[in-house]
Protein backbone atom coordinates (compact mmCIF):
# COMPACT_ATOMS: atom_id res chain seq x y z
CA MET A 1 127.87 129.67 38.22
CA ASN A 2 124.07 129.54 38.19
CA ASP A 3 124.18 127.81 34.79
CA LEU A 4 126.59 125.21 36.13
CA LEU A 5 124.38 124.57 39.20
CA ALA A 6 121.29 124.28 37.03
CA MET A 7 123.03 121.81 34.76
CA LEU A 8 124.16 119.66 37.73
CA LEU A 9 120.63 119.69 39.18
CA GLU A 10 119.24 118.59 35.82
CA MET A 11 121.86 115.96 35.45
CA PHE A 12 121.24 114.31 38.82
CA SER A 13 117.51 114.43 38.31
CA TYR A 14 118.01 111.20 36.30
CA ALA A 15 117.87 108.21 38.55
CA PHE A 16 120.32 106.14 36.45
CA LEU A 17 122.94 108.91 36.66
CA VAL A 18 122.63 108.97 40.42
CA ARG A 19 123.11 105.19 40.52
CA ALA A 20 126.10 105.48 38.20
CA PHE A 21 127.74 108.13 40.33
CA VAL A 22 127.21 106.20 43.64
CA VAL A 23 128.69 102.99 42.23
CA GLY A 24 131.43 104.86 40.27
CA ALA A 25 132.52 106.80 43.35
CA LEU A 26 132.85 103.57 45.41
CA VAL A 27 134.71 101.82 42.62
CA SER A 28 137.02 104.86 42.23
CA ILE A 29 137.92 104.74 45.91
CA CYS A 30 138.58 101.00 45.87
CA SER A 31 140.62 101.06 42.69
CA ALA A 32 142.71 104.04 43.82
CA LEU A 33 143.66 102.38 47.12
CA LEU A 34 144.53 99.06 45.51
CA GLY A 35 146.29 100.80 42.63
CA VAL A 36 148.99 102.28 44.93
CA SER A 37 150.08 98.76 46.03
CA LEU A 38 149.73 97.21 42.58
CA VAL A 39 151.77 100.02 40.92
CA LEU A 40 154.54 99.90 43.54
CA LYS A 41 154.75 96.11 43.24
CA ARG A 42 154.96 96.47 39.44
CA TYR A 43 151.79 94.39 39.03
CA SER A 44 149.46 97.09 37.86
CA MET A 45 148.53 95.31 34.60
CA ILE A 46 146.68 92.63 36.58
CA GLY A 47 143.68 94.91 36.29
CA ASP A 48 143.80 94.78 32.50
CA GLY A 49 144.10 90.96 32.59
CA LEU A 50 141.24 90.52 35.02
CA SER A 51 138.98 92.88 33.07
CA HIS A 52 139.41 90.65 29.98
CA VAL A 53 138.52 87.66 32.08
CA GLY A 54 135.47 89.60 33.27
CA PHE A 55 134.43 90.17 29.68
CA GLY A 56 134.61 86.43 29.01
CA SER A 57 132.50 85.74 32.08
CA LEU A 58 129.89 88.30 31.02
CA ALA A 59 129.69 86.59 27.65
CA ILE A 60 129.09 83.27 29.36
CA ALA A 61 126.41 84.82 31.60
CA THR A 62 124.69 86.39 28.54
CA ALA A 63 124.72 83.06 26.64
CA LEU A 64 123.21 81.21 29.61
CA ASN A 65 120.80 84.00 30.41
CA LEU A 66 122.17 84.42 33.96
CA ALA A 67 122.84 87.43 36.16
CA PRO A 68 126.19 88.87 34.90
CA LEU A 69 127.61 89.91 38.27
CA THR A 70 126.73 86.57 39.92
CA VAL A 71 128.65 84.67 37.25
CA SER A 72 131.58 87.11 36.89
CA ILE A 73 132.60 87.43 40.52
CA PRO A 74 133.69 83.83 41.18
CA ILE A 75 135.29 83.43 37.74
CA VAL A 76 137.35 86.68 38.04
CA ILE A 77 138.40 85.82 41.65
CA ALA A 78 139.57 82.40 40.51
CA ALA A 79 141.50 84.04 37.65
CA ALA A 80 143.21 86.42 40.08
CA PHE A 81 144.42 83.55 42.24
CA LEU A 82 145.52 81.71 39.12
CA LEU A 83 147.56 84.71 37.91
CA LEU A 84 149.15 84.96 41.33
CA ARG A 85 150.13 81.31 41.26
CA LEU A 86 151.37 81.44 37.70
CA GLY A 87 153.61 84.36 38.56
CA GLU A 88 155.06 82.65 41.64
CA LYS A 89 155.24 78.96 41.01
CA THR A 90 155.92 78.40 37.31
CA LEU A 91 158.12 79.51 34.49
CA ILE A 92 155.46 81.80 33.17
CA LYS A 93 156.16 85.05 34.99
CA GLY A 94 154.33 88.30 35.56
CA ASP A 95 153.38 90.06 32.33
CA ALA A 96 153.48 86.85 30.29
CA ALA A 97 150.97 85.17 32.60
CA ILE A 98 148.63 88.18 32.40
CA ALA A 99 148.89 88.29 28.60
CA LEU A 100 148.18 84.54 28.34
CA VAL A 101 145.04 84.69 30.53
CA SER A 102 143.68 88.02 29.24
CA THR A 103 143.93 87.32 25.51
CA SER A 104 142.47 83.84 25.93
CA SER A 105 139.51 85.21 27.93
CA LEU A 106 138.87 88.01 25.51
CA ALA A 107 138.90 85.66 22.49
CA LEU A 108 136.56 83.23 24.31
CA GLY A 109 134.14 86.00 25.13
CA VAL A 110 134.00 87.33 21.55
CA ILE A 111 133.38 83.83 20.14
CA ILE A 112 130.61 83.11 22.66
CA ILE A 113 128.80 86.41 22.00
CA SER A 114 129.14 86.14 18.24
CA GLN A 115 127.60 82.64 18.31
CA THR A 116 124.73 83.57 20.63
CA THR A 117 123.48 87.15 20.65
CA GLY A 118 125.60 88.42 17.76
CA MET A 119 128.09 91.30 17.62
CA ASN A 120 125.89 94.27 18.53
CA THR A 121 125.97 97.36 20.70
CA ASP A 122 125.83 95.25 23.88
CA VAL A 123 129.39 94.13 23.05
CA CYS A 124 130.46 97.80 22.88
CA ASN A 125 128.90 98.39 26.27
CA TYR A 126 130.88 95.46 27.76
CA LEU A 127 134.13 96.59 26.13
CA PHE A 128 133.92 100.34 26.65
CA GLY A 129 131.33 100.71 29.42
CA SER A 130 127.90 102.24 29.73
CA ILE A 131 125.98 104.03 32.51
CA LEU A 132 122.92 102.06 31.36
CA ALA A 133 124.53 98.71 32.26
CA MET A 134 123.38 98.59 35.86
CA ASN A 135 119.88 98.11 37.33
CA LYS A 136 119.02 98.62 40.98
CA HIS A 137 119.87 95.06 41.97
CA ASP A 138 123.37 95.43 40.44
CA VAL A 139 123.76 98.68 42.40
CA TYR A 140 122.92 97.02 45.73
CA LEU A 141 125.39 94.19 45.03
CA SER A 142 128.09 96.69 43.87
CA VAL A 143 127.69 98.83 46.99
CA ALA A 144 127.95 95.83 49.26
CA LEU A 145 131.10 94.54 47.52
CA SER A 146 132.72 97.94 47.46
CA ILE A 147 132.16 98.50 51.18
CA THR A 148 133.60 95.04 51.89
CA THR A 149 136.65 95.88 49.87
CA LEU A 150 137.14 99.16 51.76
CA VAL A 151 136.68 97.48 55.16
CA LEU A 152 139.24 94.74 54.37
CA PHE A 153 141.77 97.29 53.06
CA VAL A 154 141.47 99.38 56.26
CA LEU A 155 141.74 96.36 58.54
CA PHE A 156 144.87 94.97 56.86
CA TYR A 157 146.37 98.35 55.86
CA HIS A 158 149.69 97.84 57.75
CA LYS A 159 150.24 94.30 56.39
CA LEU A 160 149.57 95.48 52.89
CA PHE A 161 151.95 98.39 53.37
CA ALA A 162 154.71 95.92 54.60
CA ILE A 163 154.41 93.56 51.61
CA THR A 164 154.24 96.43 49.18
CA PHE A 165 157.63 97.98 50.04
CA ASP A 166 159.71 95.00 51.20
CA GLU A 167 158.02 91.66 50.84
CA THR A 168 161.19 89.67 51.69
CA PHE A 169 161.66 91.59 54.98
CA ALA A 170 157.98 91.19 55.81
CA GLN A 171 158.21 87.44 55.25
CA ALA A 172 161.31 87.25 57.44
CA THR A 173 159.42 88.98 60.30
CA GLY A 174 156.62 86.39 60.21
CA VAL A 175 154.07 88.09 57.94
CA ARG A 176 152.22 85.58 55.76
CA THR A 177 153.02 87.39 52.51
CA ASP A 178 151.27 84.78 50.35
CA LEU A 179 148.02 85.28 52.25
CA TYR A 180 148.13 89.04 51.88
CA ASN A 181 149.07 88.84 48.25
CA MET A 182 145.97 86.72 47.71
CA LEU A 183 143.98 89.33 49.63
CA ILE A 184 145.19 92.02 47.20
CA ALA A 185 144.26 89.79 44.23
CA PHE A 186 140.84 89.08 45.77
CA LEU A 187 140.04 92.77 46.39
CA THR A 188 141.31 93.68 42.93
CA ALA A 189 139.07 91.05 41.36
CA ILE A 190 136.00 92.38 43.15
CA THR A 191 136.82 96.00 42.18
CA ILE A 192 137.32 95.00 38.54
CA VAL A 193 134.02 93.13 38.32
CA VAL A 194 132.01 95.95 39.99
CA GLY A 195 133.52 98.71 37.85
CA MET A 196 133.89 96.89 34.55
CA ARG A 197 130.25 97.19 33.40
CA MET A 198 130.45 100.97 33.77
CA MET A 199 134.02 101.57 32.58
CA GLY A 200 134.34 98.62 30.13
CA ALA A 201 136.79 95.83 29.90
CA MET A 202 139.25 97.92 27.92
CA LEU A 203 139.28 100.91 30.29
CA ILE A 204 138.74 99.69 33.84
CA SER A 205 142.50 99.24 34.41
CA ALA A 206 142.92 103.00 33.96
CA LEU A 207 141.12 103.53 37.27
CA ILE A 208 143.83 101.44 38.98
CA ILE A 209 146.84 102.87 37.23
CA PHE A 210 146.23 106.54 36.67
CA PRO A 211 145.32 107.88 40.18
CA ALA A 212 148.39 106.17 41.76
CA LEU A 213 150.80 107.42 39.09
CA THR A 214 149.29 110.88 39.26
CA SER A 215 149.66 111.13 43.02
CA MET A 216 153.22 109.90 42.98
CA ARG A 217 154.18 112.99 40.91
CA LEU A 218 153.79 115.19 44.06
CA PHE A 219 153.79 112.80 47.08
CA LYS A 220 156.26 110.18 48.27
CA GLN A 221 154.89 108.66 51.44
CA PHE A 222 152.49 105.69 51.18
CA LYS A 223 149.68 107.27 53.18
CA SER A 224 149.78 110.61 51.44
CA VAL A 225 149.90 108.89 47.99
CA SER A 226 146.89 106.73 48.97
CA VAL A 227 144.82 109.71 50.18
CA CYS A 228 145.70 111.81 47.15
CA SER A 229 144.87 108.87 44.82
CA VAL A 230 141.38 108.61 46.29
CA CYS A 231 140.74 112.30 45.92
CA VAL A 232 142.05 112.35 42.31
CA SER A 233 140.08 109.25 41.41
CA ILE A 234 136.77 110.59 42.71
CA CYS A 235 137.26 114.04 41.13
CA CYS A 236 138.16 112.53 37.77
CA PHE A 237 135.13 110.23 37.86
CA PHE A 238 132.79 113.12 38.56
CA ILE A 239 134.35 115.30 35.86
CA GLY A 240 134.15 112.34 33.45
CA ILE A 241 130.46 111.82 34.17
CA VAL A 242 129.76 115.55 33.56
CA ILE A 243 131.73 115.51 30.31
CA SER A 244 129.79 112.41 29.20
CA TYR A 245 126.48 114.11 29.98
CA VAL A 246 127.25 117.44 28.39
CA TYR A 247 128.98 116.28 25.22
CA ALA A 248 127.29 112.82 24.79
CA MET A 249 130.59 111.01 25.09
CA PRO A 250 131.06 107.42 26.36
CA THR A 251 131.32 107.40 30.16
CA GLY A 252 134.43 105.22 30.48
CA ALA A 253 136.40 107.16 27.89
CA SER A 254 135.39 110.46 29.52
CA VAL A 255 136.64 109.33 32.91
CA VAL A 256 139.98 108.17 31.39
CA LEU A 257 140.30 111.55 29.65
CA ALA A 258 139.83 113.36 32.97
CA ASN A 259 142.56 111.10 34.51
CA ILE A 260 144.94 111.91 31.65
CA LEU A 261 144.43 115.65 32.20
CA ALA A 262 145.00 115.23 35.99
CA PHE A 263 148.23 113.30 35.31
CA ILE A 264 149.49 116.07 32.99
CA LEU A 265 148.57 118.73 35.60
CA PHE A 266 150.41 116.97 38.43
CA TRP A 267 153.40 116.22 36.25
CA THR A 268 153.61 119.92 35.23
CA ILE A 269 153.36 121.01 38.85
CA ASN A 270 156.11 118.62 39.81
CA SER A 271 158.34 119.85 37.02
CA LEU A 272 157.81 123.47 38.12
CA LYS A 273 158.63 122.53 41.70
CA LYS A 274 161.86 120.82 40.69
CA ARG A 275 162.88 123.76 38.56
CA ARG A 276 162.15 126.15 41.44
CA SER A 277 164.18 123.95 43.78
CA ILE A 278 167.13 124.01 41.36
CA MET A 279 166.97 127.76 41.17
CA LYS A 280 166.93 128.05 44.95
CA ASN A 281 169.95 125.73 45.23
CA ARG A 282 171.83 127.87 42.71
CA SER A 283 170.90 131.05 44.53
CA ALA A 284 172.04 129.61 47.85
CA SER A 285 175.32 128.48 46.34
CA ALA A 286 175.97 131.92 44.86
CA LEU A 287 175.15 133.59 48.18
CA ALA A 288 177.45 131.21 50.03
CA ALA A 289 180.25 131.90 47.60
CA LEU A 290 179.78 135.66 48.05
CA ILE A 291 179.91 135.26 51.86
CA CYS A 292 183.12 133.25 51.62
CA VAL A 293 184.69 135.85 49.32
CA LEU A 294 183.82 138.56 51.81
CA LEU A 295 185.27 136.48 54.67
CA ALA A 296 188.42 135.90 52.69
CA ALA A 297 188.70 139.64 51.99
CA SER A 298 188.25 140.43 55.68
CA CYS A 299 191.00 138.00 56.55
CA GLY A 300 193.59 139.47 54.14
CA ASN A 301 196.28 139.18 56.80
CA ARG A 302 195.92 135.39 56.69
CA LYS A 303 198.34 134.16 54.06
CA GLU A 304 197.27 130.53 54.54
CA LEU A 305 193.63 131.10 53.27
CA SER A 306 193.93 129.71 49.74
CA LEU A 307 191.52 129.84 46.87
CA LEU A 308 190.87 126.10 47.34
CA GLU A 309 189.80 126.65 50.94
CA ALA A 310 187.50 129.45 49.84
CA ALA A 311 185.93 127.18 47.25
CA SER A 312 185.37 124.44 49.86
CA LEU A 313 183.72 126.97 52.15
CA ALA A 314 181.49 128.05 49.29
CA GLU A 315 180.38 124.48 48.63
CA ALA A 316 179.62 123.57 52.25
CA PRO A 317 176.63 125.89 52.71
CA ALA A 318 175.19 124.70 49.41
CA ALA A 319 175.47 121.07 50.51
CA ALA A 320 173.91 121.83 53.86
CA PHE A 321 171.06 123.67 52.06
CA ALA A 322 170.47 120.69 49.75
CA ALA A 323 170.45 118.29 52.69
CA ALA A 324 167.87 120.42 54.48
CA LYS A 325 165.68 120.47 51.43
CA SER A 326 165.95 116.72 51.23
CA ASN A 327 164.91 116.23 54.84
CA ASN A 328 162.00 118.58 54.41
CA ALA A 329 160.72 116.66 51.40
CA GLY A 330 159.67 113.69 53.49
CA THR A 331 160.70 110.06 53.35
CA ALA A 332 161.11 108.25 50.00
CA SER A 333 159.28 105.73 49.26
CA VAL A 334 118.87 101.64 22.76
CA GLN A 335 117.62 99.60 20.82
CA LEU A 336 113.92 98.87 21.31
CA PRO A 337 113.93 95.51 23.15
CA PRO A 338 112.64 92.54 21.14
CA ARG A 339 109.08 91.57 22.07
CA ASN A 340 110.26 88.33 23.70
CA GLU A 341 113.23 89.93 25.52
CA THR A 342 111.93 93.04 27.26
CA ALA A 343 114.39 93.77 30.01
CA GLY A 344 113.01 93.82 33.53
CA ALA A 345 109.43 93.10 32.45
CA ASP A 346 109.44 89.65 34.03
CA LYS A 347 108.96 91.42 37.36
CA ALA A 348 105.99 93.46 36.21
CA LYS A 349 102.35 92.72 36.65
CA ASN A 350 99.47 93.97 34.50
CA GLY A 351 98.73 97.52 35.52
CA GLY A 352 101.95 97.73 37.58
CA SER A 353 102.37 98.17 41.28
CA GLY A 354 101.77 101.86 41.34
CA GLY A 355 98.18 101.86 40.33
CA THR A 356 97.04 105.43 40.71
CA ARG A 357 100.27 107.35 41.10
CA SER A 358 100.13 110.60 39.21
CA GLU A 359 103.82 111.59 39.01
CA THR A 360 104.77 112.57 35.49
CA ILE A 361 108.10 111.52 34.03
CA GLU A 362 109.13 113.43 30.93
CA ILE A 363 111.45 111.66 28.54
CA LYS A 364 113.60 114.50 27.37
CA GLU A 365 115.56 114.76 24.10
CA LYS A 366 118.81 114.91 26.04
CA MET A 367 119.55 111.45 27.53
CA PHE A 368 116.54 110.06 25.63
CA ILE A 369 117.99 106.53 25.11
CA ALA A 370 119.26 106.47 28.70
CA GLN A 371 115.88 107.32 30.17
CA VAL A 372 114.05 104.80 28.01
CA ASN A 373 116.50 102.07 28.95
CA ASP A 374 116.14 102.88 32.60
CA VAL A 375 112.40 102.32 32.35
CA TYR A 376 112.99 98.89 30.83
CA LEU A 377 115.68 98.02 33.38
CA ASN A 378 113.70 99.19 36.42
CA PRO A 379 110.04 99.03 35.47
CA GLU A 380 108.91 98.69 39.10
CA ASP A 381 110.05 102.32 39.61
CA TYR A 382 107.76 103.56 36.86
CA PHE A 383 104.59 101.49 36.96
CA GLY A 384 101.52 103.70 37.54
CA LYS A 385 103.43 106.86 36.77
CA THR A 386 102.55 109.13 33.83
CA ILE A 387 105.20 109.18 31.09
CA LYS A 388 105.44 111.88 28.45
CA LEU A 389 107.66 111.69 25.36
CA GLU A 390 107.94 112.93 21.79
CA GLY A 391 108.94 110.93 18.77
CA LEU A 392 108.00 109.37 15.52
CA PHE A 393 104.70 107.45 15.36
CA LYS A 394 105.30 103.96 14.01
CA LEU A 395 103.10 100.97 13.08
CA GLN A 396 104.44 97.43 13.28
CA GLN A 397 102.58 94.24 12.54
CA TYR A 398 103.00 90.92 14.31
CA ALA A 399 100.80 87.91 13.55
CA ASP A 400 98.20 90.04 11.76
CA LYS A 401 97.96 92.45 14.72
CA ASN A 402 98.78 96.09 14.72
CA TYR A 403 101.14 97.50 17.38
CA TYR A 404 101.87 101.24 17.68
CA PHE A 405 105.07 102.85 18.92
CA VAL A 406 106.52 106.28 19.63
CA LEU A 407 110.24 106.15 19.15
CA ARG A 408 113.41 107.83 17.90
CA TYR A 409 116.34 106.46 15.94
CA GLY A 410 119.72 105.81 17.53
CA PRO A 411 122.90 103.75 17.25
CA GLY A 412 122.37 100.12 16.38
CA CYS A 413 124.35 96.97 15.58
CA CYS A 414 125.22 98.09 12.01
CA GLY A 415 125.29 101.88 12.28
CA ASN A 416 122.29 104.12 12.74
CA ASP A 417 119.75 101.32 12.47
CA GLY A 418 118.64 101.19 16.15
CA ASN A 419 115.70 102.75 17.86
CA ALA A 420 114.39 103.53 21.32
CA GLY A 421 110.87 104.21 22.57
CA PHE A 422 107.68 102.66 23.86
CA GLU A 423 104.68 100.79 22.59
CA VAL A 424 101.57 102.99 22.98
CA ALA A 425 97.85 102.07 23.03
CA TRP A 426 94.55 103.65 23.99
CA ASP A 427 92.84 101.88 26.84
CA ASP A 428 89.15 101.01 26.32
CA SER A 429 88.33 103.34 29.17
CA PHE A 430 89.36 106.31 27.07
CA THR A 431 87.87 105.48 23.69
CA LEU A 432 85.98 102.56 22.16
CA GLN A 433 87.20 103.43 18.64
CA PRO A 434 90.83 104.55 19.01
CA GLN A 435 92.12 106.97 16.46
CA TYR A 436 95.81 106.90 15.54
CA PRO A 437 97.71 109.41 13.31
CA LYS A 438 99.51 108.49 10.15
CA GLU A 439 102.81 106.69 10.36
CA ASP A 440 106.04 108.73 10.64
CA VAL A 441 104.36 111.87 11.91
CA TRP A 442 105.84 113.64 14.91
CA VAL A 443 103.66 113.13 18.07
CA GLU A 444 103.69 113.86 21.74
CA ALA A 445 102.38 110.93 23.75
CA THR A 446 101.28 111.01 27.36
CA GLY A 447 100.05 108.03 29.35
CA VAL A 448 100.49 105.64 32.25
CA LEU A 449 103.16 102.87 32.13
CA LYS A 450 101.54 99.44 32.28
CA SER A 451 102.27 95.90 31.12
CA TYR A 452 100.44 93.02 29.52
CA GLU A 453 101.18 89.38 28.66
CA GLU A 454 100.98 87.84 25.21
CA ASP A 455 102.05 84.32 24.21
CA GLY A 456 103.49 83.88 27.70
CA PHE A 457 105.74 86.99 27.55
CA PRO A 458 105.32 90.29 29.42
CA TYR A 459 105.48 93.62 27.56
CA LEU A 460 105.62 97.23 28.68
CA TYR A 461 103.37 99.86 27.12
CA ILE A 462 102.06 103.36 27.70
CA ALA A 463 98.31 103.49 28.19
CA LEU A 464 97.58 106.77 26.40
CA THR A 465 95.73 109.64 27.94
CA SER A 466 96.65 112.02 25.09
CA LEU A 467 98.27 111.83 21.70
CA THR A 468 98.92 115.21 20.06
CA LEU A 469 100.80 116.65 17.10
CA PRO A 470 103.29 119.37 18.23
CA ASP A 471 104.07 122.39 16.08
CA THR A 472 107.82 121.73 16.19
CA ARG A 473 109.77 118.49 15.63
CA GLY A 474 112.60 117.31 17.81
CA ALA A 475 115.66 115.30 16.80
CA GLU A 476 114.75 112.05 15.10
CA PHE A 477 118.17 110.61 15.74
CA VAL A 478 119.59 110.63 19.29
CA THR A 479 122.92 109.36 20.59
CA GLN A 480 122.44 109.16 24.39
């Protein structure tokens, strides 16, 4: 127990994991609530179609160097309304409309990315999700959109319930079913966009489908299914995050795996309950038959009590028992960023905003790539802080100038050809004749995060306070 608590405390000491859990929990709640209506209306695959549209919009945003969420939200909302109209007003119905839009969007996204940034690990992040995909500004926008979705769902809960179970009757009673269907499509589009960067275009629909299907194994009422779906979705997301952290697995796939296990568990419990109910029914029938036989024996002087009558008496208690059971059951129903593309550095100023802050951030071997990426994504959180990390000392030359780096190897665009780390340099205040070790030796670098501008571009670097050679080497290749 203590080990588990220590592991959780270590896990949530990473700021990017806290952000991922906050956004993921909100997305899990929204997707679980909407998933109940979508599954019951047999329209659950709209999530898969919209996620492919989201991938295409992310590709467009990347090609135009625009904010991904800002571009994706209106495009995916428009696609949701288009799918709704295609399914209602034309000959292209339901699943065919979803397949048409989703495959077209996916193909368009792949073509755009391949012709601009190239097919690299960023594409894998878009397709299968990454906890590194969101900076602080994305988190604020995601939280605002998720809260908006929850508020709208609560306000229109009864109308959504009506069109979910009997849309024709709801329309006959004056409910504007087309308006509330558009509301469902709108809320689904927002949820897909917010959660897609973390879960990936290929896996986000699992957050909509699995919790609802899992809850329906044990519950039948709309409200109980909705509440259970929310609980299952949050628990599975938390378990998935922990699995991803402990075993260095992709976040989206880990969350889906947790949902699969939850579905199997609920299905097993439901099967056991049905078997137990059948056994109880058989026991009750046998007991009723025995009672009737005893009654028949006690009425031996009655010649008119036939075997047929005894059998009918034996069946009556069993039928009553089954009816009682039915009533009690409820109602049915990292690569090192290029020198001209350092993420987040456009907001940094030379020396940073922190100035003299002395907090030390240790880049640990576990989650090494994630921590390094978080610094590049949110440099304003780290400027002026002391950063310590271990890695290989590397020399790179640009325009006859020497630049020094401390880095480790990781997954890249063509296998294990990527790397993650920081540029390091002695400030003049420490030494006038800086001494650097040989290339490819293992070093421990400590210094303050700062930035500088060169050729009109900003770059992050660690202003060294110490550069030592440890006795032991860590892992040169890291995966998370």
